[in-house]
């Protein structure tokens, strides 16, 4: 998924169900100068989504133990 986020940033957003963000990223990506910021944005967004998922699982585990 990280490679997709680097080479095809807009696809990364589409695959995660963020359609409007993917379209905005595609518009940014159309320019060669915008490709690098779009790729960075997609990778950071992917990492944040993974961290949020991990945190929700931790919170769920902690609540179930108490």
C-alpha atoms as a PDB file:
ATOM      1  CA  UNK A   1       0.000   0.000   0.000  1.00  0.00           C
ATOM      2  CA  UNK A   2       2.923   2.338   0.689  1.00  0.00           C
ATOM      3  CA  UNK A   3       4.264   1.830  -2.846  1.00  0.00           C
ATOM      4  CA  UNK A   4       0.845   2.667  -4.257  1.00  0.00           C
ATOM      5  CA  UNK A   5       0.816   5.813  -2.108  1.00  0.00           C
ATOM      6  CA  UNK A   6       4.195   6.843  -3.528  1.00  0.00           C
ATOM      7  CA  UNK A   7       3.636   6.071  -7.210  1.00  0.00           C
ATOM      8  CA  UNK A   8      -0.149   6.590  -7.471  1.00  0.00           C
ATOM      9  CA  UNK A   9      -1.159   8.820  -4.554  1.00  0.00           C
ATOM     10  CA  UNK A  10      -4.743   9.347  -5.685  1.00  0.00           C
ATOM     11  CA  UNK A  11      -5.333   5.581  -5.947  1.00  0.00           C
ATOM     12  CA  UNK A  12      -4.257   5.193  -2.343  1.00  0.00           C
ATOM     13  CA  UNK A  13      -7.067   7.518  -1.253  1.00  0.00           C
ATOM     14  CA  UNK A  14      -9.606   5.820  -3.523  1.00  0.00           C
ATOM     15  CA  UNK A  15      -8.766   2.381  -2.130  1.00  0.00           C
ATOM     16  CA  UNK A  16      -9.351   3.627   1.413  1.00  0.00           C
ATOM     17  CA  UNK A  17     -12.753   5.098   0.497  1.00  0.00           C
ATOM     18  CA  UNK A  18     -11.734   8.757   0.572  1.00  0.00           C
ATOM     19  CA  UNK A  19     -13.094   9.713  -2.851  1.00  0.00           C
ATOM     20  CA  UNK A  20     -13.130  13.520  -2.551  1.00  0.00           C
ATOM     21  CA  UNK A  21      -9.636  13.555  -1.092  1.00  0.00           C
ATOM     22  CA  UNK A  22      -8.512  11.288  -3.935  1.00  0.00           C
ATOM     23  CA  UNK A  23      -9.916  13.679  -6.529  1.00  0.00           C
ATOM     24  CA  UNK A  24      -8.182  16.631  -4.860  1.00  0.00           C
ATOM     25  CA  UNK A  25      -4.948  14.649  -4.776  1.00  0.00           C
ATOM     26  CA  UNK A  26      -5.352  13.780  -8.476  1.00  0.00           C
ATOM     27  CA  UNK A  27      -5.723  17.462  -9.340  1.00  0.00           C
ATOM     28  CA  UNK A  28      -2.555  18.211  -7.377  1.00  0.00           C
ATOM     29  CA  UNK A  29      -0.775  15.254  -8.932  1.00  0.00           C
ATOM     30  CA  UNK A  30      -1.501  16.318 -12.526  1.00  0.00           C
ATOM     31  CA  UNK A  31       1.296  18.859 -12.348  1.00  0.00           C
ATOM     32  CA  UNK A  32       4.817  17.489 -12.132  1.00  0.00           C
ATOM     33  CA  UNK A  33       5.630  19.870  -9.291  1.00  0.00           C
ATOM     34  CA  UNK A  34       2.563  18.655  -7.397  1.00  0.00           C
ATOM     35  CA  UNK A  35       3.484  14.982  -7.678  1.00  0.00           C
ATOM     36  CA  UNK A  36       5.957  15.054  -4.783  1.00  0.00           C
ATOM     37  CA  UNK A  37       3.620  16.845  -2.328  1.00  0.00           C
ATOM     38  CA  UNK A  38       0.780  14.513  -3.374  1.00  0.00           C
ATOM     39  CA  UNK A  39       2.941  11.446  -2.724  1.00  0.00           C
ATOM     40  CA  UNK A  40       4.079  12.782   0.649  1.00  0.00           C
ATOM     41  CA  UNK A  41       0.486  13.616   1.572  1.00  0.00           C
ATOM     42  CA  UNK A  42      -0.694  10.117   0.629  1.00  0.00           C
ATOM     43  CA  UNK A  43       2.060   8.373   2.601  1.00  0.00           C
ATOM     44  CA  UNK A  44       1.497  10.510   5.702  1.00  0.00           C
ATOM     45  CA  UNK A  45      -2.256   9.961   5.465  1.00  0.00           C
ATOM     46  CA  UNK A  46      -1.717   6.211   5.174  1.00  0.00           C
ATOM     47  CA  UNK A  47       0.552   6.163   8.223  1.00  0.00           C
ATOM     48  CA  UNK A  48      -1.967   8.217  10.224  1.00  0.00           C
ATOM     49  CA  UNK A  49      -4.774   5.830   9.283  1.00  0.00           C
ATOM     50  CA  UNK A  50      -2.694   2.858  10.420  1.00  0.00           C
ATOM     51  CA  UNK A  51      -1.868   4.607  13.715  1.00  0.00           C
ATOM     52  CA  UNK A  52      -5.548   5.438  14.312  1.00  0.00           C
ATOM     53  CA  UNK A  53      -6.525   1.813  13.715  1.00  0.00           C
ATOM     54  CA  UNK A  54      -3.819   0.607  16.096  1.00  0.00           C
ATOM     55  CA  UNK A  55      -4.927   3.095  18.778  1.00  0.00           C
ATOM     56  CA  UNK A  56      -8.579   2.048  18.492  1.00  0.00           C
ATOM     57  CA  UNK A  57      -7.585  -1.587  18.944  1.00  0.00           C
ATOM     58  CA  UNK A  58      -5.520  -0.688  22.025  1.00  0.00           C
ATOM     59  CA  UNK A  59      -8.370   1.293  23.553  1.00  0.00           C
ATOM     60  CA  UNK A  60     -10.772  -1.567  22.866  1.00  0.00           C
ATOM     61  CA  UNK A  61      -8.398  -4.031  24.540  1.00  0.00           C
ATOM     62  CA  UNK A  62      -7.895  -1.801  27.576  1.00  0.00           C
ATOM     63  CA  UNK A  63     -11.643  -1.289  28.013  1.00  0.00           C
ATOM     64  CA  UNK A  64     -12.324  -5.009  27.768  1.00  0.00           C
ATOM     65  CA  UNK A  65      -9.803  -5.766  30.555  1.00  0.00           C
ATOM     66  CA  UNK A  66     -11.326  -3.319  33.021  1.00  0.00           C
END
